[in-house]
Amino acid sequence: MPTIRFRCLLLGGLLTAMPLLGSTAQAEETRAHLDVQAEAQLDVVPDRATLNARLWERTPAVARHEDDTDADALRQARDRLEERAAALIRTLEEAGVERDDISAGSLSVQPEYMPAPRRSDNDNDSDMLMRTRLDRPFQVRVDDLERLPRLLDALTAAGVNAMDGISYDLADRDAATDEALVKALEKARHKAELMARTMGVSLGAVANISETNSPIYAPRMMAMSADARESGSQAEYRPGTIVIEAGVSVSWEIEN
């Protein structure tokens, strides 16, 4: 009998507590919140650059209907390209570039077609010549932007066939994206405090935080004009700024 009485008392206590728990949960759900969205923009001056250049060699042009390009011609073009690539690397090292800062891309081979020269009016306009182009890209990382003009002179002296532009970058990307996110959070808090003060309420604990726009970072590419390539060290290279944007959504509880 005591055991039965104890169970009845315990069940009665739980039934009595359930409405209290329900009212507490309902109060939590109905508590007022202040929701704020904020976006921030961070302008960062680059401190690193990558020079993009290419070397290429071509085989002699032959009639398109002939057999495939002669193997000896391909080998000779590849040998010439490798010799020029080695000379380019030596020139850059003499200019103070570390070997680890020089990246040579994969060799690409592609056919090129051109109209055959006409020797008489009876020649067929559809006659085409074909040659093979062997191409190798190079990238040079520069940690001191003041050295850019000198390194561009070195690339020109090495006889690169194309200068594909300068890609500006940051040595510490994570620090820049973190700073943009902190700036967005600080702006969100400022807005929330302003709204709460204006409406005569107090901010409570933070109920929810989320990103509406994750900080996006992309290196800034600057193409090189013909004038800049030809003027060498006399040209000015202004990196400008890299823009990083971040957005957040923050919700505060309101305390009356």
C-alpha atoms as a PDB file:
ATOM      1  CA  MET A   1       0.000   0.000   0.000  1.00  0.00           C
ATOM      2  CA  PRO A   2       2.747   2.603   0.750  1.00  0.00           C
ATOM      3  CA  THR A   3       4.302   1.874  -2.602  1.00  0.00           C
ATOM      4  CA  ILE A   4       1.026   2.464  -4.398  1.00  0.00           C
ATOM      5  CA  ARG A   5       0.478   5.703  -2.468  1.00  0.00           C
ATOM      6  CA  PHE A   6       3.989   6.925  -3.370  1.00  0.00           C
ATOM      7  CA  ARG A   7       3.417   6.239  -7.050  1.00  0.00           C
ATOM      8  CA  CYS A   8       0.178   8.152  -6.984  1.00  0.00           C
ATOM      9  CA  LEU A   9       1.862  11.123  -5.317  1.00  0.00           C
ATOM     10  CA  LEU A  10       4.682  11.087  -7.887  1.00  0.00           C
ATOM     11  CA  LEU A  11       2.257  10.930 -10.794  1.00  0.00           C
ATOM     12  CA  GLY A  12       0.227  13.771  -9.326  1.00  0.00           C
ATOM     13  CA  GLY A  13       3.388  15.890  -8.967  1.00  0.00           C
ATOM     14  CA  LEU A  14       4.357  15.314 -12.584  1.00  0.00           C
ATOM     15  CA  LEU A  15       0.895  16.229 -13.781  1.00  0.00           C
ATOM     16  CA  THR A  16       1.058  19.406 -11.712  1.00  0.00           C
ATOM     17  CA  ALA A  17       4.513  20.324 -13.100  1.00  0.00           C
ATOM     18  CA  MET A  18       3.643  19.751 -16.759  1.00  0.00           C
ATOM     19  CA  PRO A  19       1.512  22.919 -17.095  1.00  0.00           C
ATOM     20  CA  LEU A  20       4.339  24.910 -15.522  1.00  0.00           C
ATOM     21  CA  LEU A  21       6.864  23.487 -17.994  1.00  0.00           C
ATOM     22  CA  GLY A  22       4.501  24.191 -20.854  1.00  0.00           C
ATOM     23  CA  SER A  23       4.034  27.796 -19.793  1.00  0.00           C
ATOM     24  CA  THR A  24       7.813  28.275 -19.462  1.00  0.00           C
ATOM     25  CA  ALA A  25       8.407  26.907 -22.973  1.00  0.00           C
ATOM     26  CA  GLN A  26       5.618  29.076 -24.325  1.00  0.00           C
ATOM     27  CA  ALA A  27       7.164  32.125 -22.681  1.00  0.00           C
ATOM     28  CA  GLU A  28      10.491  31.317 -24.323  1.00  0.00           C
ATOM     29  CA  GLU A  29       8.837  30.985 -27.709  1.00  0.00           C
ATOM     30  CA  THR A  30       6.920  34.239 -27.376  1.00  0.00           C
ATOM     31  CA  ARG A  31       9.861  36.279 -26.096  1.00  0.00           C
ATOM     32  CA  ALA A  32      10.456  39.227 -28.415  1.00  0.00           C
ATOM     33  CA  HIS A  33      13.540  39.326 -30.605  1.00  0.00           C
ATOM     34  CA  LEU A  34      15.370  42.028 -32.516  1.00  0.00           C
ATOM     35  CA  ASP A  35      16.671  40.769 -35.869  1.00  0.00           C
ATOM     36  CA  VAL A  36      19.404  42.666 -37.698  1.00  0.00           C
ATOM     37  CA  GLN A  37      21.176  42.128 -41.001  1.00  0.00           C
ATOM     38  CA  ALA A  38      24.399  43.911 -41.830  1.00  0.00           C
ATOM     39  CA  GLU A  39      26.928  43.923 -44.643  1.00  0.00           C
ATOM     40  CA  ALA A  40      30.473  45.235 -44.609  1.00  0.00           C
ATOM     41  CA  GLN A  41      33.058  45.881 -47.277  1.00  0.00           C
ATOM     42  CA  LEU A  42      36.805  45.736 -46.753  1.00  0.00           C
ATOM     43  CA  ASP A  43      39.231  47.324 -49.226  1.00  0.00           C
ATOM     44  CA  VAL A  44      42.657  45.704 -49.008  1.00  0.00           C
ATOM     45  CA  VAL A  45      45.831  46.757 -50.799  1.00  0.00           C
ATOM     46  CA  PRO A  46      47.532  43.684 -52.362  1.00  0.00           C
ATOM     47  CA  ASP A  47      50.984  42.748 -51.130  1.00  0.00           C
ATOM     48  CA  ARG A  48      51.771  39.923 -53.564  1.00  0.00           C
ATOM     49  CA  ALA A  49      51.631  39.507 -57.341  1.00  0.00           C
ATOM     50  CA  THR A  50      52.009  36.779 -59.941  1.00  0.00           C
ATOM     51  CA  LEU A  51      53.413  37.490 -63.400  1.00  0.00           C
ATOM     52  CA  ASN A  52      51.989  35.350 -66.198  1.00  0.00           C
ATOM     53  CA  ALA A  53      54.019  34.791 -69.358  1.00  0.00           C
ATOM     54  CA  ARG A  54      54.315  32.248 -72.165  1.00  0.00           C
ATOM     55  CA  LEU A  55      56.982  30.841 -74.467  1.00  0.00           C
ATOM     56  CA  TRP A  56      56.199  29.022 -77.688  1.00  0.00           C
ATOM     57  CA  GLU A  57      57.860  27.487 -80.719  1.00  0.00           C
ATOM     58  CA  ARG A  58      56.397  26.374 -84.054  1.00  0.00           C
ATOM     59  CA  THR A  59      57.259  23.703 -86.582  1.00  0.00           C
ATOM     60  CA  PRO A  60      57.565  24.644 -90.282  1.00  0.00           C
ATOM     61  CA  ALA A  61      54.253  24.947 -92.101  1.00  0.00           C
ATOM     62  CA  VAL A  62      53.375  22.072 -94.462  1.00  0.00           C
ATOM     63  CA  ALA A  63      50.430  21.301 -96.697  1.00  0.00           C
ATOM     64  CA  ARG A  64      47.458  20.068 -94.685  1.00  0.00           C
ATOM     65  CA  HIS A  65      46.940  17.002 -96.882  1.00  0.00           C
ATOM     66  CA  GLU A  66      50.471  15.754 -96.221  1.00  0.00           C
ATOM     67  CA  ASP A  67      51.317  13.237 -93.555  1.00  0.00           C
ATOM     68  CA  ASP A  68      51.462  14.254 -89.907  1.00  0.00           C
ATOM     69  CA  THR A  69      54.089  16.764 -88.816  1.00  0.00           C
ATOM     70  CA  ASP A  70      57.571  15.329 -89.070  1.00  0.00           C
ATOM     71  CA  ALA A  71      58.788  13.875 -85.777  1.00  0.00           C
ATOM     72  CA  ASP A  72      62.176  15.533 -86.196  1.00  0.00           C
ATOM     73  CA  ALA A  73      60.545  18.935 -86.640  1.00  0.00           C
ATOM     74  CA  LEU A  74      58.554  18.418 -83.430  1.00  0.00           C
ATOM     75  CA  ARG A  75      61.628  17.340 -81.536  1.00  0.00           C
ATOM     76  CA  GLN A  76      63.627  20.324 -82.760  1.00  0.00           C
ATOM     77  CA  ALA A  77      60.851  22.734 -81.778  1.00  0.00           C
ATOM     78  CA  ARG A  78      60.610  21.115 -78.340  1.00  0.00           C
ATOM     79  CA  ASP A  79      64.389  21.336 -77.872  1.00  0.00           C
ATOM     80  CA  ARG A  80      64.364  25.025 -78.804  1.00  0.00           C
ATOM     81  CA  LEU A  81      61.520  25.646 -76.359  1.00  0.00           C
ATOM     82  CA  GLU A  82      63.297  23.847 -73.527  1.00  0.00           C
ATOM     83  CA  GLU A  83      66.496  25.810 -74.157  1.00  0.00           C
ATOM     84  CA  ARG A  84      64.574  29.081 -74.025  1.00  0.00           C
ATOM     85  CA  ALA A  85      62.754  27.965 -70.869  1.00  0.00           C
ATOM     86  CA  ALA A  86      66.047  27.178 -69.151  1.00  0.00           C
ATOM     87  CA  ALA A  87      67.423  30.578 -70.200  1.00  0.00           C
ATOM     88  CA  LEU A  88      64.284  32.268 -68.850  1.00  0.00           C
ATOM     89  CA  ILE A  89      64.687  30.608 -65.465  1.00  0.00           C
ATOM     90  CA  ARG A  90      68.366  31.605 -65.300  1.00  0.00           C
ATOM     91  CA  THR A  91      67.506  35.211 -66.158  1.00  0.00           C
ATOM     92  CA  LEU A  92      64.874  35.355 -63.405  1.00  0.00           C
ATOM     93  CA  GLU A  93      67.236  33.837 -60.841  1.00  0.00           C
ATOM     94  CA  GLU A  94      69.876  36.418 -61.764  1.00  0.00           C
ATOM     95  CA  ALA A  95      67.212  39.064 -61.125  1.00  0.00           C
ATOM     96  CA  GLY A  96      66.793  37.732 -57.571  1.00  0.00           C
ATOM     97  CA  VAL A  97      63.814  35.378 -57.976  1.00  0.00           C
ATOM     98  CA  GLU A  98      63.941  32.164 -55.941  1.00  0.00           C
ATOM     99  CA  ARG A  99      63.512  28.920 -57.868  1.00  0.00           C
ATOM    100  CA  ASP A 100      60.454  28.020 -55.756  1.00  0.00           C
ATOM    101  CA  ASP A 101      58.755  31.229 -56.929  1.00  0.00           C
ATOM    102  CA  ILE A 102      58.961  30.161 -60.584  1.00  0.00           C
ATOM    103  CA  SER A 103      56.338  27.746 -61.903  1.00  0.00           C
ATOM    104  CA  ALA A 104      56.535  26.218 -65.373  1.00  0.00           C
ATOM    105  CA  GLY A 105      53.241  24.915 -66.673  1.00  0.00           C
ATOM    106  CA  SER A 106      52.637  21.802 -68.732  1.00  0.00           C
ATOM    107  CA  LEU A 107      53.672  21.724 -72.363  1.00  0.00           C
ATOM    108  CA  SER A 108      50.724  22.065 -74.741  1.00  0.00           C
ATOM    109  CA  VAL A 109      50.764  21.053 -78.402  1.00  0.00           C
ATOM    110  CA  GLN A 110      48.170  22.302 -80.872  1.00  0.00           C
ATOM    111  CA  PRO A 111      47.857  22.589 -84.654  1.00  0.00           C
ATOM    112  CA  GLU A 112      47.594  25.931 -86.412  1.00  0.00           C
ATOM    113  CA  TYR A 113      46.110  26.419 -89.868  1.00  0.00           C
ATOM    114  CA  MET A 114      46.748  29.211 -92.368  1.00  0.00           C
ATOM    115  CA  PRO A 115      46.010  29.820 -96.032  1.00  0.00           C
ATOM    116  CA  ALA A 116      48.736  28.793 -98.437  1.00  0.00           C
ATOM    117  CA  PRO A 117      50.333  31.624-100.428  1.00  0.00           C
ATOM    118  CA  ARG A 118      48.940  31.921-103.978  1.00  0.00           C
ATOM    119  CA  ARG A 119      51.523  31.687-106.739  1.00  0.00           C
ATOM    120  CA  SER A 120      49.028  32.239-109.570  1.00  0.00           C
ATOM    121  CA  ASP A 121      45.381  33.028-110.177  1.00  0.00           C
ATOM    122  CA  ASN A 122      44.745  29.344-110.834  1.00  0.00           C
ATOM    123  CA  ASP A 123      45.661  28.282-107.283  1.00  0.00           C
ATOM    124  CA  ASN A 124      42.833  26.988-105.148  1.00  0.00           C
ATOM    125  CA  ASP A 125      41.820  29.399-102.396  1.00  0.00           C
ATOM    126  CA  SER A 126      40.985  26.434-100.173  1.00  0.00           C
ATOM    127  CA  ASP A 127      44.584  25.222 -99.974  1.00  0.00           C
ATOM    128  CA  MET A 128      45.688  25.375 -96.349  1.00  0.00           C
ATOM    129  CA  LEU A 129      48.976  24.961 -94.544  1.00  0.00           C
ATOM    130  CA  MET A 130      49.382  23.418 -91.110  1.00  0.00           C
ATOM    131  CA  ARG A 131      52.034  23.848 -88.447  1.00  0.00           C
ATOM    132  CA  THR A 132      52.302  22.729 -84.853  1.00  0.00           C
ATOM    133  CA  ARG A 133      52.718  25.122 -81.960  1.00  0.00           C
ATOM    134  CA  LEU A 134      54.345  24.058 -78.695  1.00  0.00           C
ATOM    135  CA  ASP A 135      53.411  26.335 -75.818  1.00  0.00           C
ATOM    136  CA  ARG A 136      54.644  26.537 -72.219  1.00  0.00           C
ATOM    137  CA  PRO A 137      53.238  28.991 -69.638  1.00  0.00           C
ATOM    138  CA  PHE A 138      55.251  30.444 -66.757  1.00  0.00           C
ATOM    139  CA  GLN A 139      54.197  32.057 -63.501  1.00  0.00           C
ATOM    140  CA  VAL A 140      56.492  34.159 -61.317  1.00  0.00           C
ATOM    141  CA  ARG A 141      55.428  34.979 -57.762  1.00  0.00           C
ATOM    142  CA  VAL A 142      56.527  38.377 -56.487  1.00  0.00           C
ATOM    143  CA  ASP A 143      56.380  39.137 -52.750  1.00  0.00           C
ATOM    144  CA  ASP A 144      57.822  42.648 -53.113  1.00  0.00           C
ATOM    145  CA  LEU A 145      55.711  44.716 -55.505  1.00  0.00           C
ATOM    146  CA  GLU A 146      58.489  47.298 -55.853  1.00  0.00           C
ATOM    147  CA  ARG A 147      60.414  44.688 -57.877  1.00  0.00           C
ATOM    148  CA  LEU A 148      57.715  44.322 -60.538  1.00  0.00           C
ATOM    149  CA  PRO A 149      59.278  46.646 -63.154  1.00  0.00           C
ATOM    150  CA  ARG A 150      62.662  44.931 -62.858  1.00  0.00           C
ATOM    151  CA  LEU A 151      61.165  41.459 -63.219  1.00  0.00           C
ATOM    152  CA  LEU A 152      59.116  42.541 -66.211  1.00  0.00           C
ATOM    153  CA  ASP A 153      62.354  43.767 -67.784  1.00  0.00           C
ATOM    154  CA  ALA A 154      63.893  40.352 -67.072  1.00  0.00           C
ATOM    155  CA  LEU A 155      61.010  38.564 -68.774  1.00  0.00           C
ATOM    156  CA  THR A 156      61.297  40.849 -71.770  1.00  0.00           C
ATOM    157  CA  ALA A 157      65.046  40.267 -71.935  1.00  0.00           C
ATOM    158  CA  ALA A 158      64.434  36.521 -71.870  1.00  0.00           C
ATOM    159  CA  GLY A 159      62.324  36.858 -75.014  1.00  0.00           C
ATOM    160  CA  VAL A 160      58.929  35.690 -73.793  1.00  0.00           C
ATOM    161  CA  ASN A 161      56.354  35.515 -76.572  1.00  0.00           C
ATOM    162  CA  ALA A 162      53.431  36.782 -74.494  1.00  0.00           C
ATOM    163  CA  MET A 163      52.871  38.630 -71.235  1.00  0.00           C
ATOM    164  CA  ASP A 164      49.441  37.555 -70.006  1.00  0.00           C
ATOM    165  CA  GLY A 165      49.067  40.060 -67.198  1.00  0.00           C
ATOM    166  CA  ILE A 166      49.597  40.454 -63.469  1.00  0.00           C
ATOM    167  CA  SER A 167      47.480  38.769 -60.810  1.00  0.00           C
ATOM    168  CA  TYR A 168      47.491  40.686 -57.511  1.00  0.00           C
ATOM    169  CA  ASP A 169      47.006  38.719 -54.318  1.00  0.00           C
ATOM    170  CA  LEU A 170      47.339  38.780 -50.520  1.00  0.00           C
ATOM    171  CA  ALA A 171      49.929  36.884 -48.532  1.00  0.00           C
ATOM    172  CA  ASP A 172      47.418  36.269 -45.706  1.00  0.00           C
ATOM    173  CA  ARG A 173      43.967  35.786 -47.187  1.00  0.00           C
ATOM    174  CA  ASP A 174      42.457  34.327 -44.006  1.00  0.00           C
ATOM    175  CA  ALA A 175      43.293  37.432 -41.970  1.00  0.00           C
ATOM    176  CA  ALA A 176      41.588  39.657 -44.552  1.00  0.00           C
ATOM    177  CA  THR A 177      38.389  37.568 -44.740  1.00  0.00           C
ATOM    178  CA  ASP A 178      38.277  37.361 -40.923  1.00  0.00           C
ATOM    179  CA  GLU A 179      38.562  41.135 -40.696  1.00  0.00           C
ATOM    180  CA  ALA A 180      35.683  41.574 -43.149  1.00  0.00           C
ATOM    181  CA  LEU A 181      33.494  39.220 -41.101  1.00  0.00           C
ATOM    182  CA  VAL A 182      34.327  40.994 -37.825  1.00  0.00           C
ATOM    183  CA  LYS A 183      33.499  44.313 -39.466  1.00  0.00           C
ATOM    184  CA  ALA A 184      30.069  42.979 -40.485  1.00  0.00           C
ATOM    185  CA  LEU A 185      29.376  41.675 -36.955  1.00  0.00           C
ATOM    186  CA  GLU A 186      30.380  44.984 -35.400  1.00  0.00           C
ATOM    187  CA  LYS A 187      28.069  46.795 -37.782  1.00  0.00           C
ATOM    188  CA  ALA A 188      25.229  44.438 -36.839  1.00  0.00           C
ATOM    189  CA  ARG A 189      25.756  45.133 -33.120  1.00  0.00           C
ATOM    190  CA  HIS A 190      25.874  48.869 -33.740  1.00  0.00           C
ATOM    191  CA  LYS A 191      22.585  48.748 -35.630  1.00  0.00           C
ATOM    192  CA  ALA A 192      20.954  46.606 -32.944  1.00  0.00           C
ATOM    193  CA  GLU A 193      22.079  48.911 -30.129  1.00  0.00           C
ATOM    194  CA  LEU A 194      20.849  51.954 -32.040  1.00  0.00           C
ATOM    195  CA  MET A 195      17.455  50.384 -32.661  1.00  0.00           C
ATOM    196  CA  ALA A 196      17.093  49.192 -29.068  1.00  0.00           C
ATOM    197  CA  ARG A 197      18.072  52.598 -27.638  1.00  0.00           C
ATOM    198  CA  THR A 198      15.662  54.387 -29.950  1.00  0.00           C
ATOM    199  CA  MET A 199      12.787  52.060 -29.024  1.00  0.00           C
ATOM    200  CA  GLY A 200      13.548  52.203 -25.293  1.00  0.00           C
ATOM    201  CA  VAL A 201      14.345  48.511 -24.825  1.00  0.00           C
ATOM    202  CA  SER A 202      17.438  46.575 -23.760  1.00  0.00           C
ATOM    203  CA  LEU A 203      19.258  43.900 -25.679  1.00  0.00           C
ATOM    204  CA  GLY A 204      19.473  40.493 -24.075  1.00  0.00           C
ATOM    205  CA  ALA A 205      21.454  37.435 -25.101  1.00  0.00           C
ATOM    206  CA  VAL A 206      22.199  36.644 -28.703  1.00  0.00           C
ATOM    207  CA  ALA A 207      19.660  34.076 -29.907  1.00  0.00           C
ATOM    208  CA  ASN A 208      20.990  33.324 -33.370  1.00  0.00           C
ATOM    209  CA  ILE A 209      23.873  34.230 -35.707  1.00  0.00           C
ATOM    210  CA  SER A 210      24.258  33.297 -39.354  1.00  0.00           C
ATOM    211  CA  GLU A 211      26.136  34.438 -42.441  1.00  0.00           C
ATOM    212  CA  THR A 212      24.087  35.904 -45.252  1.00  0.00           C
ATOM    213  CA  ASN A 213      27.131  36.489 -47.437  1.00  0.00           C
ATOM    214  CA  SER A 214      30.313  34.547 -46.721  1.00  0.00           C
ATOM    215  CA  PRO A 215      33.476  36.595 -47.288  1.00  0.00           C
ATOM    216  CA  ILE A 216      34.508  35.978 -50.892  1.00  0.00           C
ATOM    217  CA  TYR A 217      38.075  36.585 -51.920  1.00  0.00           C
ATOM    218  CA  ALA A 218      39.347  36.607 -55.485  1.00  0.00           C
ATOM    219  CA  PRO A 219      42.778  37.784 -56.705  1.00  0.00           C
ATOM    220  CA  ARG A 220      42.644  40.880 -58.899  1.00  0.00           C
ATOM    221  CA  MET A 221      43.819  40.366 -62.464  1.00  0.00           C
ATOM    222  CA  MET A 222      45.332  43.261 -64.400  1.00  0.00           C
ATOM    223  CA  ALA A 223      45.888  42.881 -68.122  1.00  0.00           C
ATOM    224  CA  MET A 224      49.003  44.375 -69.640  1.00  0.00           C
ATOM    225  CA  SER A 225      48.662  46.674 -72.612  1.00  0.00           C
ATOM    226  CA  ALA A 226      51.166  46.735 -75.452  1.00  0.00           C
ATOM    227  CA  ASP A 227      52.410  50.136 -74.268  1.00  0.00           C
ATOM    228  CA  ALA A 228      53.108  48.760 -70.787  1.00  0.00           C
ATOM    229  CA  ARG A 229      54.985  45.770 -72.187  1.00  0.00           C
ATOM    230  CA  GLU A 230      57.148  47.926 -74.407  1.00  0.00           C
ATOM    231  CA  SER A 231      57.864  50.693 -71.904  1.00  0.00           C
ATOM    232  CA  GLY A 232      59.448  48.286 -69.416  1.00  0.00           C
ATOM    233  CA  SER A 233      60.619  49.804 -66.152  1.00  0.00           C
ATOM    234  CA  GLN A 234      59.192  53.220 -67.021  1.00  0.00           C
ATOM    235  CA  ALA A 235      55.624  51.934 -66.700  1.00  0.00           C
ATOM    236  CA  GLU A 236      53.753  52.325 -63.419  1.00  0.00           C
ATOM    237  CA  TYR A 237      51.882  49.337 -62.048  1.00  0.00           C
ATOM    238  CA  ARG A 238      49.199  50.333 -59.576  1.00  0.00           C
ATOM    239  CA  PRO A 239      47.632  47.306 -57.872  1.00  0.00           C
ATOM    240  CA  GLY A 240      44.568  49.215 -56.649  1.00  0.00           C
ATOM    241  CA  THR A 241      42.578  47.430 -53.956  1.00  0.00           C
ATOM    242  CA  ILE A 242      40.897  44.068 -53.519  1.00  0.00           C
ATOM    243  CA  VAL A 243      37.311  44.274 -52.234  1.00  0.00           C
ATOM    244  CA  ILE A 244      36.079  41.671 -49.729  1.00  0.00           C
ATOM    245  CA  GLU A 245      32.412  41.705 -48.737  1.00  0.00           C
ATOM    246  CA  ALA A 246      30.778  39.912 -45.793  1.00  0.00           C
ATOM    247  CA  GLY A 247      27.201  39.758 -44.525  1.00  0.00           C
ATOM    248  CA  VAL A 248      25.610  38.513 -41.282  1.00  0.00           C
ATOM    249  CA  SER A 249      22.199  38.097 -39.686  1.00  0.00           C
ATOM    250  CA  VAL A 250      22.016  38.351 -35.879  1.00  0.00           C
ATOM    251  CA  SER A 251      19.033  37.964 -33.564  1.00  0.00           C
ATOM    252  CA  TRP A 252      18.946  39.329 -29.974  1.00  0.00           C
ATOM    253  CA  GLU A 253      16.437  38.691 -27.253  1.00  0.00           C
ATOM    254  CA  ILE A 254      14.707  41.863 -26.040  1.00  0.00           C
ATOM    255  CA  GLU A 255      14.586  42.640 -22.339  1.00  0.00           C
ATOM    256  CA  ASN A 256      11.970  45.197 -21.313  1.00  0.00           C
END
